[in-house]
C-alpha cells in the first residue's frame, strides 16, 4: 500500500512530511490505520492549532482572556438553593414541574465518559472502576442505575447519550453489552465518540509520533461533546425521542444527581437556556472552577485561572467572594444546543503544556521529564456566556458531589474518600426514612432502585436498625 497522493500533498502543504519517516517499516494493517488517522485530521483546524502554538512560543496570549483581567464588577450570581423556602421559585413548585417533565419524557441526559482510569491506577475506561462500598459496583452501574430508578418512578425512560473517546469507545460498548446496559433499554442509549486533536511539539508546532505510524493525540475535552453529538446525529436522536431538555454529567461523580426533580423544575420555571449546579466553595484552595457574572452575563472561571488574591477575597459574611463552585452538572434546552452546535467558533480552544512521550527521528521512544508539547481541548462550560437566561442552583456537596480523581491514599478525591461519601449519603437518606445504621457499618443504596428516602420503605421498614454491611434496595 502506498501513501495516497492527496495525503502526501496535504502533508507537504502543512510541512508535516516527517510523520511518514517510518512508512517503509509498517505492515499493511498499520499503514491503513495510519492513513485513516491522518485523513481524520481537520487540516484547516490544524493550521489554527499550529498558529496558536507558535504564537504562544513568542509570548502572545491567543486563547482566552488573562485571568488578571477579571472585571472588578465580577461577582457570584444569585443562586437558588435546593429546599430553600426563600427562593423566588418555591421548592414545592419546582419539584412538581420537574416531576411532570420526567413523567412526559421531555428530559434526556448526556454522560461524559471519555476518560481513562490511568490516574486511578487502573486500565480501561474510568466508568469501569469499582466504587460501590458494599457491592463494588462500577461507576457505570451506579450512574446508569440512577436512570433506571428514574424510569421506575416516572414510568418513562430517560434517553441517554454516552460520550466515549478513541481510547474508551470499544471497551465501553463491550462492557455495556456484557452487563445488559446496566438495566437500561439499549434502544434508549446512544453511544458516540468525541474527536481527538493532535499534540504538537511546543517549540516547532510539528506533529508528534506516539509510535512509528501513529500520531500522539488526545481527546478534545468535555467541550467536544457538542460537536461530536451533533455530527453523530445525537441531537436529532434526542429530538426523535421527544426530548426538549438535556442534562449533562461526568462519569467520575457517583453522587451526581442531574435528574433531581427540583433542579429540573428551577431550570424549566426560570426559562433558562442553561442551568448549572454549584456547591459552596469554602476555601480558596479547593480545585473547582467558579461561576461568575458580569452585567448579567455568566461564565465559569477555572480555579487555575483565578488569581490567588481574588480567590481568597471574602464577603462581609465570611463567604468567599467567588463561592459558587462548578461541579460539571448542567441542563440545557435542546434548542440552545442546536443553535450553538451550528457555530464553529462557539467553543474556544484551550492550551495545556504537557509532557508527551514521542518517537524521535531515529525511532527511539522518548519519555520527557518536563512538558514538551501542547495539547488542546474545549470546555462545555464556555457556552455559558452565550446562554440567556442562566439559572444557578446550589446543592449540598455531600448530596451530589464526590468526584473520583486520584488513586488510593493520595487526596480527598481518592477512592476511599469517595466511598465514604457514598456511605455517608446513604446513611442520611436512610435516616430520613426512619432507618438507622450502626456507626462504622458500610451501607449502600441500590442505584437502580432508590432515588431518595421515598423509595426506602419498599425494602426496609421504618424503625429498622442496620448492623451489618447492607445493600438497601432490590
Protein backbone atom coordinates (compact mmCIF):
# COMPACT_ATOMS: atom_id res chain seq x y z
CA UNK A 1 0.00 0.00 0.00
CA UNK A 2 1.30 3.45 -0.95
CA UNK A 3 0.53 6.73 0.73
CA UNK A 4 -2.44 8.32 -1.07
CA UNK A 5 -1.19 11.12 -3.33
CA UNK A 6 -3.63 13.68 -1.97
CA UNK A 7 -2.46 12.94 1.58
CA UNK A 8 1.17 13.37 0.54
CA UNK A 9 0.24 16.73 -0.98
CA UNK A 10 -1.58 17.81 2.17
CA UNK A 11 1.34 16.87 4.43
CA UNK A 12 3.68 18.79 2.16
CA UNK A 13 1.43 21.85 2.24
CA UNK A 14 1.40 21.95 6.04
CA UNK A 15 5.07 20.98 6.40
CA UNK A 16 4.47 17.68 8.21
CA UNK A 17 6.08 15.13 5.86
CA UNK A 18 8.24 13.89 8.75
CA UNK A 19 5.37 11.76 10.05
CA UNK A 20 5.93 9.38 7.12
CA UNK A 21 9.56 8.70 8.11
CA UNK A 22 8.82 5.13 9.19
CA UNK A 23 6.33 4.26 6.45
CA UNK A 24 8.53 1.53 4.94
CA UNK A 25 8.70 -0.24 8.31
CA UNK A 26 4.92 -0.59 8.65
CA UNK A 27 2.87 -3.58 7.55
CA UNK A 28 -0.29 -3.09 5.51
CA UNK A 29 -2.56 -3.13 8.57
CA UNK A 30 -0.52 -0.43 10.30
CA UNK A 31 -0.36 1.61 7.10
CA UNK A 32 -4.13 1.56 6.68
CA UNK A 33 -4.65 2.57 10.31
CA UNK A 34 -2.14 5.40 9.99
CA UNK A 35 -3.70 6.72 6.78
CA UNK A 36 -7.12 6.64 8.45
CA UNK A 37 -5.75 8.62 11.41
CA UNK A 38 -4.15 11.22 9.15
CA UNK A 39 -7.22 11.55 6.92
CA UNK A 40 -9.39 12.14 10.00
CA UNK A 41 -7.47 15.33 10.83
CA UNK A 42 -9.19 18.61 10.08
CA UNK A 43 -6.23 20.26 8.37
CA UNK A 44 -7.81 23.69 8.43
CA UNK A 45 -8.08 23.33 12.20
CA UNK A 46 -4.50 22.01 12.31
CA UNK A 47 -3.29 25.28 10.78
CA UNK A 48 -5.04 27.10 13.63
CA UNK A 49 -3.56 24.79 16.26
CA UNK A 50 -0.05 25.29 14.94
CA UNK A 51 -0.53 29.05 14.85
CA UNK A 52 -1.63 29.00 18.48
CA UNK A 53 1.48 27.05 19.48
CA UNK A 54 3.82 29.37 17.60
CA UNK A 55 2.08 32.49 18.91
CA UNK A 56 2.41 31.11 22.42
CA UNK A 57 6.12 30.50 21.84
CA UNK A 58 6.61 34.19 21.13
CA UNK A 59 4.73 35.29 24.21
CA UNK A 60 1.29 36.26 22.94
CA UNK A 61 -1.91 35.01 24.55
CA UNK A 62 -4.16 33.85 21.68
CA UNK A 63 -6.62 31.80 23.67
CA UNK A 64 -8.99 33.13 26.34
CA UNK A 65 -8.62 36.20 28.49
CA UNK A 66 -5.93 36.90 31.03
CA UNK A 67 -7.14 35.84 34.48
CA UNK A 68 -5.96 39.15 35.86
CA UNK A 69 -8.46 40.86 33.54
CA UNK A 70 -11.49 39.64 35.51
CA UNK A 71 -13.57 42.83 35.80
CA UNK A 72 -13.95 44.45 39.21
CA UNK A 73 -17.71 44.18 38.72
CA UNK A 74 -17.50 40.39 38.58
CA UNK A 75 -19.50 38.74 41.33
CA UNK A 76 -21.09 35.46 42.27
CA UNK A 77 -24.59 35.42 40.76
CA UNK A 78 -27.64 34.79 42.88
CA UNK A 79 -28.08 31.07 43.44
CA UNK A 80 -31.27 29.19 44.08
CA UNK A 81 -30.78 26.63 46.85
CA UNK A 82 -32.38 23.22 46.93
CA UNK A 83 -35.14 23.18 49.52
CA UNK A 84 -34.81 26.87 50.41
CA UNK A 85 -38.21 28.46 51.02
CA UNK A 86 -36.75 31.92 50.35
CA UNK A 87 -36.13 31.08 46.69
CA UNK A 88 -38.17 33.22 44.28
CA UNK A 89 -39.48 29.92 42.90
CA UNK A 90 -40.96 27.82 45.75
CA UNK A 91 -39.23 24.44 46.08
CA UNK A 92 -42.52 22.52 46.01
CA UNK A 93 -43.47 24.21 42.75
CA UNK A 94 -40.09 23.35 41.27
CA UNK A 95 -40.39 19.71 42.37
CA UNK A 96 -43.81 19.44 40.77
CA UNK A 97 -42.64 20.97 37.49
CA UNK A 98 -39.59 18.74 37.32
CA UNK A 99 -41.66 15.64 38.01
CA UNK A 100 -44.07 16.48 35.22
CA UNK A 101 -41.19 16.88 32.76
CA UNK A 102 -39.86 13.45 33.72
CA UNK A 103 -43.36 11.95 33.58
CA UNK A 104 -43.69 13.16 30.00
CA UNK A 105 -40.24 12.00 28.86
CA UNK A 106 -39.13 15.54 27.98
CA UNK A 107 -35.67 15.22 29.57
CA UNK A 108 -32.63 13.42 28.19
CA UNK A 109 -29.11 13.02 29.56
CA UNK A 110 -25.52 13.01 28.38
CA UNK A 111 -22.89 11.10 30.34
CA UNK A 112 -19.37 12.35 29.65
CA UNK A 113 -17.33 9.15 29.82
CA UNK A 114 -14.31 9.55 27.58
CA UNK A 115 -11.71 9.43 30.36
CA UNK A 116 -9.42 6.54 31.19
CA UNK A 117 -8.68 5.23 34.67
CA UNK A 118 -4.94 5.81 34.37
CA UNK A 119 -4.76 8.29 37.26
CA UNK A 120 -6.71 5.84 39.41
CA UNK A 121 -4.06 3.19 38.82
CA UNK A 122 -6.18 1.00 36.54
CA UNK A 123 -6.56 0.32 32.83
CA UNK A 124 -9.56 0.97 30.65
CA UNK A 125 -12.44 3.44 30.82
CA UNK A 126 -12.90 5.22 34.12
CA UNK A 127 -16.55 4.14 34.14
CA UNK A 128 -15.48 0.54 34.77
CA UNK A 129 -13.81 1.45 38.07
CA UNK A 130 -15.48 -0.26 41.08
CA UNK A 131 -16.85 2.27 43.56
CA UNK A 132 -19.77 0.63 45.40
CA UNK A 133 -18.74 0.41 49.09
CA UNK A 134 -20.55 -2.92 49.53
CA UNK A 135 -21.30 -4.21 46.03
CA UNK A 136 -18.13 -3.00 44.30
CA UNK A 137 -20.46 -1.77 41.57
CA UNK A 138 -18.76 0.20 38.80
CA UNK A 139 -19.25 3.89 38.18
CA UNK A 140 -21.28 2.92 35.11
CA UNK A 141 -23.55 0.68 37.20
CA UNK A 142 -24.11 3.42 39.76
CA UNK A 143 -24.79 6.26 37.32
CA UNK A 144 -26.81 4.34 34.75
CA UNK A 145 -28.65 2.69 37.62
CA UNK A 146 -29.93 6.11 38.67
CA UNK A 147 -31.59 6.48 35.28
CA UNK A 148 -33.22 3.07 35.77
CA UNK A 149 -34.56 4.29 39.12
CA UNK A 150 -35.96 7.41 37.45
CA UNK A 151 -37.73 5.16 34.94
CA UNK A 152 -39.18 3.10 37.77
CA UNK A 153 -40.58 6.18 39.47
CA UNK A 154 -41.82 8.08 36.43
CA UNK A 155 -42.71 5.27 34.06
CA UNK A 156 -40.63 6.75 31.22
CA UNK A 157 -37.10 6.14 30.01
CA UNK A 158 -34.60 8.97 30.13
CA UNK A 159 -32.88 8.83 26.72
CA UNK A 160 -29.16 8.71 27.42
CA UNK A 161 -26.22 9.62 25.20
CA UNK A 162 -22.83 8.38 26.39
CA UNK A 163 -19.74 10.15 25.12
CA UNK A 164 -16.67 7.95 24.76
CA UNK A 165 -13.22 8.62 23.32
CA UNK A 166 -10.98 6.73 20.92
CA UNK A 167 -9.29 5.19 23.96
CA UNK A 168 -12.51 4.06 25.68
CA UNK A 169 -15.11 3.52 22.96
CA UNK A 170 -14.64 -0.19 22.19
CA UNK A 171 -14.30 -1.23 25.84
CA UNK A 172 -17.28 0.87 26.90
CA UNK A 173 -19.52 -0.67 24.24
CA UNK A 174 -18.37 -4.19 25.17
CA UNK A 175 -18.95 -3.53 28.87
CA UNK A 176 -22.46 -2.22 28.30
CA UNK A 177 -23.41 -5.19 26.16
CA UNK A 178 -21.91 -7.70 28.59
CA UNK A 179 -23.74 -6.07 31.54
CA UNK A 180 -27.15 -5.70 29.88
CA UNK A 181 -26.69 -1.93 29.55
CA UNK A 182 -26.75 -1.65 33.36
CA UNK A 183 -30.51 -2.11 33.37
CA UNK A 184 -31.35 0.41 30.64
CA UNK A 185 -33.15 -0.22 27.36
CA UNK A 186 -30.39 -0.21 24.71
CA UNK A 187 -32.83 1.41 22.28
CA UNK A 188 -32.79 4.44 24.56
CA UNK A 189 -28.98 4.67 24.72
CA UNK A 190 -26.90 6.47 22.09
CA UNK A 191 -23.13 5.96 22.26
CA UNK A 192 -20.98 8.48 20.40
CA UNK A 193 -17.29 9.27 20.33
CA UNK A 194 -15.59 12.60 20.84
CA UNK A 195 -12.84 13.68 18.47
CA UNK A 196 -9.10 13.55 19.04
CA UNK A 197 -6.80 16.51 18.49
CA UNK A 198 -3.09 16.06 17.77
CA UNK A 199 -0.45 17.02 20.31
CA UNK A 200 2.13 19.41 18.86
CA UNK A 201 5.77 19.98 19.74
CA UNK A 202 5.87 23.12 21.88
CA UNK A 203 8.86 24.62 20.05
CA UNK A 204 8.13 23.88 16.40
CA UNK A 205 4.40 23.19 16.27
CA UNK A 206 5.11 19.91 14.47
CA UNK A 207 3.04 16.75 14.84
CA UNK A 208 4.47 14.21 17.28
CA UNK A 209 4.51 10.46 16.73
CA UNK A 210 3.47 8.29 19.64
CA UNK A 211 4.94 5.32 17.74
CA UNK A 212 6.05 4.73 14.15
CA UNK A 213 2.86 5.07 12.16
CA UNK A 214 0.76 6.54 14.98
CA UNK A 215 0.26 10.18 15.92
CA UNK A 216 0.25 11.40 19.51
CA UNK A 217 -3.31 12.57 20.07
CA UNK A 218 -5.63 13.39 22.96
CA UNK A 219 -9.43 13.75 23.33
CA UNK A 220 -10.71 17.26 22.67
CA UNK A 221 -12.13 17.79 26.17
CA UNK A 222 -15.67 17.65 27.50
CA UNK A 223 -16.47 20.56 25.20
CA UNK A 224 -16.02 18.16 22.31
CA UNK A 225 -19.36 16.74 23.39
CA UNK A 226 -21.34 19.32 21.46
CA UNK A 227 -19.76 18.95 18.01
CA UNK A 228 -19.46 15.17 18.28
CA UNK A 229 -23.07 14.82 19.40
CA UNK A 230 -24.31 16.94 16.51
CA UNK A 231 -22.12 15.27 13.88
CA UNK A 232 -23.07 11.78 15.04
CA UNK A 233 -26.78 12.56 14.81
CA UNK A 234 -27.24 12.60 18.57
CA UNK A 235 -29.12 15.90 18.72
CA UNK A 236 -31.54 14.64 16.08
CA UNK A 237 -31.82 11.38 18.03
CA UNK A 238 -32.83 13.30 21.15
CA UNK A 239 -35.40 15.18 19.12
CA UNK A 240 -36.83 11.92 17.81
CA UNK A 241 -37.16 10.70 21.41
CA UNK A 242 -39.27 13.73 22.34
CA UNK A 243 -36.51 15.32 24.41
CA UNK A 244 -36.64 19.11 24.84
CA UNK A 245 -34.12 19.49 27.67
CA UNK A 246 -30.80 17.70 28.17
CA UNK A 247 -28.71 17.33 31.32
CA UNK A 248 -25.00 16.51 31.23
CA UNK A 249 -22.84 15.00 33.95
CA UNK A 250 -19.44 13.37 34.45
CA UNK A 251 -18.67 9.69 34.87
CA UNK A 252 -16.32 10.30 37.82
CA UNK A 253 -19.01 11.64 40.20
CA UNK A 254 -21.10 8.76 41.61
CA UNK A 255 -23.18 11.13 43.75
CA UNK A 256 -24.26 13.21 40.73
CA UNK A 257 -27.99 14.00 40.71
CA UNK A 258 -28.58 15.69 37.35
CA UNK A 259 -32.17 14.42 37.16
CA UNK A 260 -33.34 15.72 40.51
CA UNK A 261 -36.87 16.99 40.00
CA UNK A 262 -36.30 20.20 41.99
CA UNK A 263 -33.23 21.12 39.94
CA UNK A 264 -35.09 20.42 36.71
CA UNK A 265 -38.04 22.44 37.96
CA UNK A 266 -35.89 25.51 38.57
CA UNK A 267 -34.39 25.13 35.11
CA UNK A 268 -37.80 24.94 33.49
CA UNK A 269 -39.64 27.56 35.52
CA UNK A 270 -36.85 30.11 35.15
CA UNK A 271 -36.99 29.72 31.37
CA UNK A 272 -33.23 29.13 31.34
CA UNK A 273 -31.35 28.08 28.24
CA UNK A 274 -28.66 26.74 30.56
CA UNK A 275 -28.80 25.80 34.24
CA UNK A 276 -25.89 24.62 36.32
CA UNK A 277 -25.35 23.06 39.73
CA UNK A 278 -22.83 24.52 42.14
CA UNK A 279 -21.59 23.78 45.64
CA UNK A 280 -20.47 26.34 48.20
CA UNK A 281 -16.71 26.74 47.93
CA UNK A 282 -15.36 27.37 51.41
CA UNK A 283 -11.60 27.54 50.94
CA UNK A 284 -9.75 29.26 48.08
CA UNK A 285 -7.56 26.18 47.52
CA UNK A 286 -10.49 23.94 46.54
CA UNK A 287 -9.92 22.73 43.00
CA UNK A 288 -13.21 23.70 41.40
CA UNK A 289 -13.99 26.44 38.94
CA UNK A 290 -16.40 29.18 39.98
CA UNK A 291 -19.46 30.70 38.33
CA UNK A 292 -19.20 34.47 37.98
CA UNK A 293 -21.45 37.10 36.47
CA UNK A 294 -20.64 40.47 34.91
CA UNK A 295 -23.54 42.67 33.82
CA UNK A 296 -25.84 39.68 33.75
CA UNK A 297 -23.51 37.55 31.63
CA UNK A 298 -22.46 34.29 33.27
CA UNK A 299 -19.24 32.34 32.85
CA UNK A 300 -17.09 29.80 34.67
CA UNK A 301 -13.52 30.65 35.64
CA UNK A 302 -11.26 27.65 36.19
CA UNK A 303 -9.61 27.51 39.61
CA UNK A 304 -6.20 27.64 37.93
CA UNK A 305 -7.19 30.87 36.12
CA UNK A 306 -8.43 32.74 39.19
CA UNK A 307 -5.61 34.82 40.71
CA UNK A 308 -4.85 33.79 44.30
CA UNK A 309 -5.72 37.22 45.69
CA UNK A 310 -9.17 37.14 44.10
CA UNK A 311 -9.74 33.52 45.08
CA UNK A 312 -9.09 34.41 48.73
CA UNK A 313 -11.33 37.51 48.90
CA UNK A 314 -14.23 37.19 51.32
CA UNK A 315 -17.54 38.95 51.72
CA UNK A 316 -18.59 40.64 54.99
CA UNK A 317 -20.49 37.48 55.99
CA UNK A 318 -17.30 35.39 55.70
CA UNK A 319 -18.15 33.64 52.45
CA UNK A 320 -15.65 33.70 49.60
CA UNK A 321 -16.43 36.42 47.09
CA UNK A 322 -16.38 33.72 44.40
CA UNK A 323 -18.00 30.79 46.16
CA UNK A 324 -20.22 29.13 43.52
CA UNK A 325 -18.11 26.06 42.80
CA UNK A 326 -18.93 24.38 39.49
CA UNK A 327 -19.43 20.58 39.60
CA UNK A 328 -19.95 19.97 35.85
CA UNK A 329 -23.67 19.18 36.08
CA UNK A 330 -25.61 21.25 33.57
CA UNK A 331 -29.06 21.40 31.99
CA UNK A 332 -29.66 22.83 28.53
CA UNK A 333 -32.58 23.35 26.24
CA UNK A 334 -32.14 21.22 23.15
CA UNK A 335 -32.82 24.30 21.02
CA UNK A 336 -29.85 26.08 22.66
CA UNK A 337 -27.52 23.13 21.98
CA UNK A 338 -28.63 23.02 18.35
CA UNK A 339 -28.04 26.74 17.92
CA UNK A 340 -24.57 26.61 19.46
CA UNK A 341 -23.56 23.43 17.62
CA UNK A 342 -24.08 25.29 14.35
CA UNK A 343 -21.39 27.82 15.34
CA UNK A 344 -17.86 26.71 14.60
CA UNK A 345 -16.41 29.39 16.89
CA UNK A 346 -18.70 28.79 19.87
CA UNK A 347 -16.13 26.92 21.96
CA UNK A 348 -12.59 28.32 22.04
CA UNK A 349 -9.55 26.11 22.22
CA UNK A 350 -7.62 25.88 25.48
CA UNK A 351 -3.93 25.00 25.55
CA UNK A 352 -2.28 22.67 28.05
CA UNK A 353 1.51 22.34 28.32
CA UNK A 354 2.16 18.63 28.95
CA UNK A 355 4.89 16.00 28.92
CA UNK A 356 4.00 13.82 25.94
CA UNK A 357 6.04 10.69 25.07
CA UNK A 358 7.14 10.61 21.43
CA UNK A 359 9.31 8.83 18.89
CA UNK A 360 12.34 10.81 17.72
CA UNK A 361 13.84 10.93 14.22
CA UNK A 362 15.92 7.82 14.94
CA UNK A 363 12.88 5.82 16.05
CA UNK A 364 13.72 5.88 19.77
CA UNK A 365 10.85 6.45 22.19
CA UNK A 366 11.45 9.46 24.42
CA UNK A 367 9.74 9.85 27.82
CA UNK A 368 10.18 13.55 28.64
CA UNK A 369 10.51 14.59 32.27
CA UNK A 370 9.17 18.09 31.65
CA UNK A 371 6.46 19.49 29.38
CA UNK A 372 7.44 19.30 25.72
CA UNK A 373 4.12 19.51 23.90
CA UNK A 374 0.84 21.36 23.66
CA UNK A 375 -2.48 19.55 23.94
CA UNK A 376 -5.76 21.19 23.04
CA UNK A 377 -9.23 20.88 24.49
CA UNK A 378 -12.60 22.59 24.61
CA UNK A 379 -14.74 23.10 27.72
CA UNK A 380 -18.50 22.75 27.55
CA UNK A 381 -18.98 25.49 30.12
CA UNK A 382 -17.63 28.00 27.60
CA UNK A 383 -21.14 28.08 26.11
CA UNK A 384 -22.44 29.71 29.30
CA UNK A 385 -21.86 33.35 28.20
CA UNK A 386 -23.94 32.59 25.09
CA UNK A 387 -26.97 31.46 27.11
CA UNK A 388 -29.73 33.70 28.36
CA UNK A 389 -31.06 33.39 30.90
CA UNK A 390 -28.82 31.21 33.07
CA UNK A 391 -30.06 29.56 36.27
CA UNK A 392 -27.57 28.67 39.03
CA UNK A 393 -28.68 26.12 41.62
CA UNK A 394 -26.69 25.44 44.77
CA UNK A 395 -26.75 21.91 46.16
CA UNK A 396 -25.11 20.37 49.22
CA UNK A 397 -21.77 18.87 48.22
CA UNK A 398 -22.37 15.86 50.46
CA UNK A 399 -25.52 15.04 48.48
CA UNK A 400 -24.27 15.49 44.94
CA UNK A 401 -20.52 15.89 44.58
CA UNK A 402 -17.86 13.27 45.31
CA UNK A 403 -15.51 13.21 42.30
CA UNK A 404 -13.13 10.29 41.86
CA UNK A 405 -9.87 11.73 40.54
CA UNK A 406 -6.89 10.06 42.20
CA UNK A 407 -5.57 6.69 43.39
CA UNK A 408 -6.00 5.49 46.99
CA UNK A 409 -4.12 7.41 49.64
CA UNK A 410 -3.44 10.48 47.53
CA UNK A 411 -6.12 13.13 48.15
CA UNK A 412 -9.65 13.92 49.25
CA UNK A 413 -10.90 12.82 45.85
CA UNK A 414 -9.34 9.36 46.10
CA UNK A 415 -11.41 6.18 46.10
CA UNK A 416 -11.59 5.68 49.87
CA UNK A 417 -12.95 9.19 50.40
CA UNK A 418 -15.49 8.81 47.61
CA UNK A 419 -16.72 5.51 49.03
CA UNK A 420 -17.01 7.10 52.48
CA UNK A 421 -19.08 9.90 50.91
CA UNK A 422 -21.38 7.32 49.30
CA UNK A 423 -21.88 5.61 52.67
CA UNK A 424 -22.47 8.94 54.42
CA UNK A 425 -25.06 9.93 51.83
CA UNK A 426 -26.83 6.57 52.17
CA UNK A 427 -26.94 6.90 55.95
CA UNK A 428 -28.62 10.31 55.70
CA UNK A 429 -31.19 9.08 53.18
CA UNK A 430 -31.98 6.11 55.42
CA UNK A 431 -32.23 8.34 58.49
CA UNK A 432 -34.85 10.47 56.74
CA UNK A 433 -36.78 7.24 56.12
CA UNK A 434 -36.58 6.29 59.81
CA UNK A 435 -33.84 3.69 59.34
CA UNK A 436 -30.68 3.87 61.44
CA UNK A 437 -27.25 2.40 60.72
CA UNK A 438 -24.80 1.36 63.41
CA UNK A 439 -21.68 3.52 63.41
CA UNK A 440 -18.90 2.11 61.25
CA UNK A 441 -21.17 -0.22 59.27
CA UNK A 442 -20.96 0.29 55.48
CA UNK A 443 -24.27 0.65 53.72
CA UNK A 444 -25.13 1.26 50.08
CA UNK A 445 -28.31 2.23 48.25
CA UNK A 446 -29.11 0.14 45.17
CA UNK A 447 -28.77 2.80 42.49
CA UNK A 448 -31.30 1.19 40.16
CA UNK A 449 -33.99 1.09 42.85
CA UNK A 450 -33.64 4.00 45.29
CA UNK A 451 -33.51 7.68 44.40
CA UNK A 452 -34.27 9.07 47.84
CA UNK A 453 -35.97 8.34 51.16
CA UNK A 454 -39.37 7.89 49.50
CA UNK A 455 -38.16 4.63 47.94
CA UNK A 456 -36.62 3.11 51.07
CA UNK A 457 -39.81 1.70 52.64
CA UNK A 458 -40.18 -0.77 49.75
CA UNK A 459 -37.13 -2.57 51.08
CA UNK A 460 -36.67 -1.59 54.72
CA UNK A 461 -39.46 -0.56 57.12
CA UNK A 462 -39.08 2.47 59.39
CA UNK A 463 -37.51 1.63 62.74
CA UNK A 464 -35.06 -0.87 61.26
CA UNK A 465 -31.51 -0.83 62.63
CA UNK A 466 -28.86 -1.96 60.15
CA UNK A 467 -25.92 -3.55 61.95
CA UNK A 468 -24.06 -5.32 59.14
CA UNK A 469 -22.84 -4.37 55.63
CA UNK A 470 -26.04 -3.99 53.63
CA UNK A 471 -27.28 -3.02 50.20
CA UNK A 472 -30.70 -1.42 50.55
CA UNK A 473 -32.99 -1.95 47.57
CA UNK A 474 -33.89 -4.76 45.23
